Amino acid sequence: MSGKTTERADSARFAYGGLDRLFHERARLSVLSSLASHDAGLVFNDLKRLCALTDGNLSRQLQLLAEAGVVEVWKRQRNNRPQTLVRLTPAGRARFSEYLAVLSSVIADAAPAQESQTKSRSGPAAGFAG
């Protein structure tokens, strides 16, 4: 392969276009990870506890995710008390899986660099020393 072909192939290697901005936020990532590990969904209070979010913050995050078609939210009465159940939609689960695949590639790309930095904490790179 020529140098130019290699350069073009590597030019956007670390752009990670598949890191969905909707998912790439701490609170929403917590919500999605929790829901992904509970196929039947979670009730609001359990989700709030697992993600360490306030009622208002969780409500806002769920609103954004529901508008995007990523989660389904059901409200019902149970023992004369309101209860909210949340779960990933099939499309949301697929979209989150795609996001995780890209995130895995970020980790795979960064891991060798992290390992070499841990082994050699030697200051600035050659040519950059002042």
C-alpha atoms as a PDB file:
ATOM      1  CA  MET A   1       0.000   0.000   0.000  1.00  0.00           C
ATOM      2  CA  SER A   2       1.370   3.452  -0.870  1.00  0.00           C
ATOM      3  CA  GLY A   3       2.078   6.104   1.752  1.00  0.00           C
ATOM      4  CA  LYS A   4      -0.826   8.271   0.525  1.00  0.00           C
ATOM      5  CA  THR A   5      -3.316   5.401   0.752  1.00  0.00           C
ATOM      6  CA  THR A   6      -2.207   4.616   4.289  1.00  0.00           C
ATOM      7  CA  GLU A   7      -2.388   8.307   5.196  1.00  0.00           C
ATOM      8  CA  ARG A   8      -5.964   8.550   3.876  1.00  0.00           C
ATOM      9  CA  ALA A   9      -7.032   5.389   5.707  1.00  0.00           C
ATOM     10  CA  ASP A  10      -5.568   6.684   8.985  1.00  0.00           C
ATOM     11  CA  SER A  11      -6.656  10.315   8.569  1.00  0.00           C
ATOM     12  CA  ALA A  12      -9.925   9.872  10.486  1.00  0.00           C
ATOM     13  CA  ARG A  13      -9.044   6.748  12.419  1.00  0.00           C
ATOM     14  CA  PHE A  14      -9.576   8.433  15.771  1.00  0.00           C
ATOM     15  CA  ALA A  15     -12.661  10.494  14.825  1.00  0.00           C
ATOM     16  CA  TYR A  16     -15.099   7.943  16.322  1.00  0.00           C
ATOM     17  CA  GLY A  17     -18.115   9.257  14.438  1.00  0.00           C
ATOM     18  CA  GLY A  18     -20.250   6.491  15.944  1.00  0.00           C
ATOM     19  CA  LEU A  19     -20.011   7.947  19.459  1.00  0.00           C
ATOM     20  CA  ASP A  20     -23.635   8.999  19.578  1.00  0.00           C
ATOM     21  CA  ARG A  21     -23.915  12.359  21.361  1.00  0.00           C
ATOM     22  CA  LEU A  22     -27.232  11.320  22.870  1.00  0.00           C
ATOM     23  CA  PHE A  23     -25.513   8.441  24.679  1.00  0.00           C
ATOM     24  CA  HIS A  24     -22.174  10.110  25.352  1.00  0.00           C
ATOM     25  CA  GLU A  25     -23.252  11.929  28.499  1.00  0.00           C
ATOM     26  CA  ARG A  26     -22.750  10.511  31.984  1.00  0.00           C
ATOM     27  CA  ALA A  27     -26.361  10.447  33.185  1.00  0.00           C
ATOM     28  CA  ARG A  28     -27.767   9.002  29.955  1.00  0.00           C
ATOM     29  CA  LEU A  29     -24.920   6.491  29.710  1.00  0.00           C
ATOM     30  CA  SER A  30     -25.787   5.357  33.252  1.00  0.00           C
ATOM     31  CA  VAL A  31     -29.475   5.039  32.383  1.00  0.00           C
ATOM     32  CA  LEU A  32     -28.797   3.117  29.175  1.00  0.00           C
ATOM     33  CA  SER A  33     -26.284   0.775  30.798  1.00  0.00           C
ATOM     34  CA  SER A  34     -28.732   0.018  33.595  1.00  0.00           C
ATOM     35  CA  LEU A  35     -31.575  -0.643  31.184  1.00  0.00           C
ATOM     36  CA  ALA A  36     -29.368  -2.746  28.885  1.00  0.00           C
ATOM     37  CA  SER A  37     -28.653  -5.072  31.790  1.00  0.00           C
ATOM     38  CA  HIS A  38     -32.353  -5.407  32.692  1.00  0.00           C
ATOM     39  CA  ASP A  39     -34.311  -6.696  29.677  1.00  0.00           C
ATOM     40  CA  ALA A  40     -37.684  -6.362  31.409  1.00  0.00           C
ATOM     41  CA  GLY A  41     -36.944  -2.741  32.284  1.00  0.00           C
ATOM     42  CA  LEU A  42     -36.705  -0.954  35.603  1.00  0.00           C
ATOM     43  CA  VAL A  43     -39.087   1.065  37.712  1.00  0.00           C
ATOM     44  CA  PHE A  44     -38.229   4.733  38.046  1.00  0.00           C
ATOM     45  CA  ASN A  45     -37.035   4.589  41.667  1.00  0.00           C
ATOM     46  CA  ASP A  46     -34.743   1.617  41.017  1.00  0.00           C
ATOM     47  CA  LEU A  47     -33.287   3.356  37.974  1.00  0.00           C
ATOM     48  CA  LYS A  48     -32.823   6.557  39.968  1.00  0.00           C
ATOM     49  CA  ARG A  49     -30.987   4.649  42.710  1.00  0.00           C
ATOM     50  CA  LEU A  50     -28.769   2.676  40.312  1.00  0.00           C
ATOM     51  CA  CYS A  51     -27.745   5.823  38.438  1.00  0.00           C
ATOM     52  CA  ALA A  52     -27.497   8.146  41.483  1.00  0.00           C
ATOM     53  CA  LEU A  53     -29.754  10.740  39.837  1.00  0.00           C
ATOM     54  CA  THR A  54     -32.380  13.076  41.215  1.00  0.00           C
ATOM     55  CA  ASP A  55     -36.038  12.745  40.213  1.00  0.00           C
ATOM     56  CA  GLY A  56     -35.798  15.817  37.991  1.00  0.00           C
ATOM     57  CA  ASN A  57     -32.557  14.820  36.304  1.00  0.00           C
ATOM     58  CA  LEU A  58     -33.753  11.284  35.596  1.00  0.00           C
ATOM     59  CA  SER A  59     -37.075  12.601  34.271  1.00  0.00           C
ATOM     60  CA  ARG A  60     -35.260  14.948  31.881  1.00  0.00           C
ATOM     61  CA  GLN A  61     -32.894  12.236  30.649  1.00  0.00           C
ATOM     62  CA  LEU A  62     -35.799   9.837  30.083  1.00  0.00           C
ATOM     63  CA  GLN A  63     -37.686  12.527  28.187  1.00  0.00           C
ATOM     64  CA  LEU A  64     -34.736  13.016  25.806  1.00  0.00           C
ATOM     65  CA  LEU A  65     -34.275   9.270  25.337  1.00  0.00           C
ATOM     66  CA  ALA A  66     -38.013   8.700  24.774  1.00  0.00           C
ATOM     67  CA  GLU A  67     -38.197  11.506  22.205  1.00  0.00           C
ATOM     68  CA  ALA A  68     -35.352   9.802  20.341  1.00  0.00           C
ATOM     69  CA  GLY A  69     -37.216   6.462  20.420  1.00  0.00           C
ATOM     70  CA  VAL A  70     -34.550   4.812  22.552  1.00  0.00           C
ATOM     71  CA  VAL A  71     -36.676   4.048  25.625  1.00  0.00           C
ATOM     72  CA  GLU A  72     -40.324   3.324  26.367  1.00  0.00           C
ATOM     73  CA  VAL A  73     -41.937   4.761  29.479  1.00  0.00           C
ATOM     74  CA  TRP A  74     -45.131   3.328  30.981  1.00  0.00           C
ATOM     75  CA  LYS A  75     -47.032   4.886  33.841  1.00  0.00           C
ATOM     76  CA  ARG A  76     -49.442   2.788  35.895  1.00  0.00           C
ATOM     77  CA  GLN A  77     -50.951   2.466  39.346  1.00  0.00           C
ATOM     78  CA  ARG A  78     -49.716  -0.264  41.676  1.00  0.00           C
ATOM     79  CA  ASN A  79     -51.117  -0.606  45.178  1.00  0.00           C
ATOM     80  CA  ASN A  80     -52.802   2.785  44.686  1.00  0.00           C
ATOM     81  CA  ARG A  81     -49.440   4.415  43.991  1.00  0.00           C
ATOM     82  CA  PRO A  82     -48.130   5.717  40.681  1.00  0.00           C
ATOM     83  CA  GLN A  83     -45.338   3.665  39.186  1.00  0.00           C
ATOM     84  CA  THR A  84     -43.219   4.347  36.113  1.00  0.00           C
ATOM     85  CA  LEU A  85     -41.578   1.499  34.198  1.00  0.00           C
ATOM     86  CA  VAL A  86     -38.787   2.196  31.708  1.00  0.00           C
ATOM     87  CA  ARG A  87     -37.136  -0.129  29.192  1.00  0.00           C
ATOM     88  CA  LEU A  88     -35.067   0.054  26.045  1.00  0.00           C
ATOM     89  CA  THR A  89     -36.897  -0.194  22.749  1.00  0.00           C
ATOM     90  CA  PRO A  90     -35.565  -2.764  20.272  1.00  0.00           C
ATOM     91  CA  ALA A  91     -34.230   0.105  18.146  1.00  0.00           C
ATOM     92  CA  GLY A  92     -32.709   1.709  21.248  1.00  0.00           C
ATOM     93  CA  ARG A  93     -30.999  -1.533  22.219  1.00  0.00           C
ATOM     94  CA  ALA A  94     -29.526  -1.878  18.705  1.00  0.00           C
ATOM     95  CA  ARG A  95     -28.405   1.758  18.651  1.00  0.00           C
ATOM     96  CA  PHE A  96     -26.804   1.425  22.098  1.00  0.00           C
ATOM     97  CA  SER A  97     -25.022  -1.778  20.994  1.00  0.00           C
ATOM     98  CA  GLU A  98     -23.561   0.120  18.026  1.00  0.00           C
ATOM     99  CA  TYR A  99     -22.417   2.880  20.378  1.00  0.00           C
ATOM    100  CA  LEU A 100     -20.756   0.314  22.674  1.00  0.00           C
ATOM    101  CA  ALA A 101     -18.937  -1.230  19.700  1.00  0.00           C
ATOM    102  CA  VAL A 102     -17.425   2.156  18.852  1.00  0.00           C
ATOM    103  CA  LEU A 103     -16.579   2.748  22.509  1.00  0.00           C
ATOM    104  CA  SER A 104     -14.827  -0.631  22.552  1.00  0.00           C
ATOM    105  CA  SER A 105     -12.701   0.460  19.607  1.00  0.00           C
ATOM    106  CA  VAL A 106     -11.749   3.632  21.512  1.00  0.00           C
ATOM    107  CA  ILE A 107     -10.591   1.472  24.410  1.00  0.00           C
ATOM    108  CA  ALA A 108      -8.707  -0.885  22.087  1.00  0.00           C
ATOM    109  CA  ASP A 109      -6.949   2.059  20.424  1.00  0.00           C
ATOM    110  CA  ALA A 110      -6.040   3.733  23.700  1.00  0.00           C
ATOM    111  CA  ALA A 111      -5.039   0.668  25.727  1.00  0.00           C
ATOM    112  CA  PRO A 112      -1.619   0.086  24.105  1.00  0.00           C
ATOM    113  CA  ALA A 113      -0.719   3.762  24.557  1.00  0.00           C
ATOM    114  CA  GLN A 114      -1.840   3.636  28.190  1.00  0.00           C
ATOM    115  CA  GLU A 115       0.215   0.500  28.818  1.00  0.00           C
ATOM    116  CA  SER A 116       3.358   2.003  27.288  1.00  0.00           C
ATOM    117  CA  GLN A 117       2.925   5.221  29.312  1.00  0.00           C
ATOM    118  CA  THR A 118       2.584   3.211  32.488  1.00  0.00           C
ATOM    119  CA  LYS A 119       5.813   1.323  31.702  1.00  0.00           C
ATOM    120  CA  SER A 120       7.857   4.407  30.818  1.00  0.00           C
ATOM    121  CA  ARG A 121       7.027   7.579  32.714  1.00  0.00           C
ATOM    122  CA  SER A 122       9.966   9.362  31.114  1.00  0.00           C
ATOM    123  CA  GLY A 123       8.873  12.958  30.537  1.00  0.00           C
ATOM    124  CA  PRO A 124       8.362  14.743  27.199  1.00  0.00           C
ATOM    125  CA  ALA A 125       8.735  12.883  23.918  1.00  0.00           C
ATOM    126  CA  ALA A 126      12.069  13.132  22.147  1.00  0.00           C
ATOM    127  CA  GLY A 127      12.303  16.363  20.173  1.00  0.00           C
ATOM    128  CA  PHE A 128       9.921  18.215  22.496  1.00  0.00           C
ATOM    129  CA  ALA A 129      12.213  18.647  25.462  1.00  0.00           C
ATOM    130  CA  GLY A 130      12.878  22.306  26.188  1.00  0.00           C
END
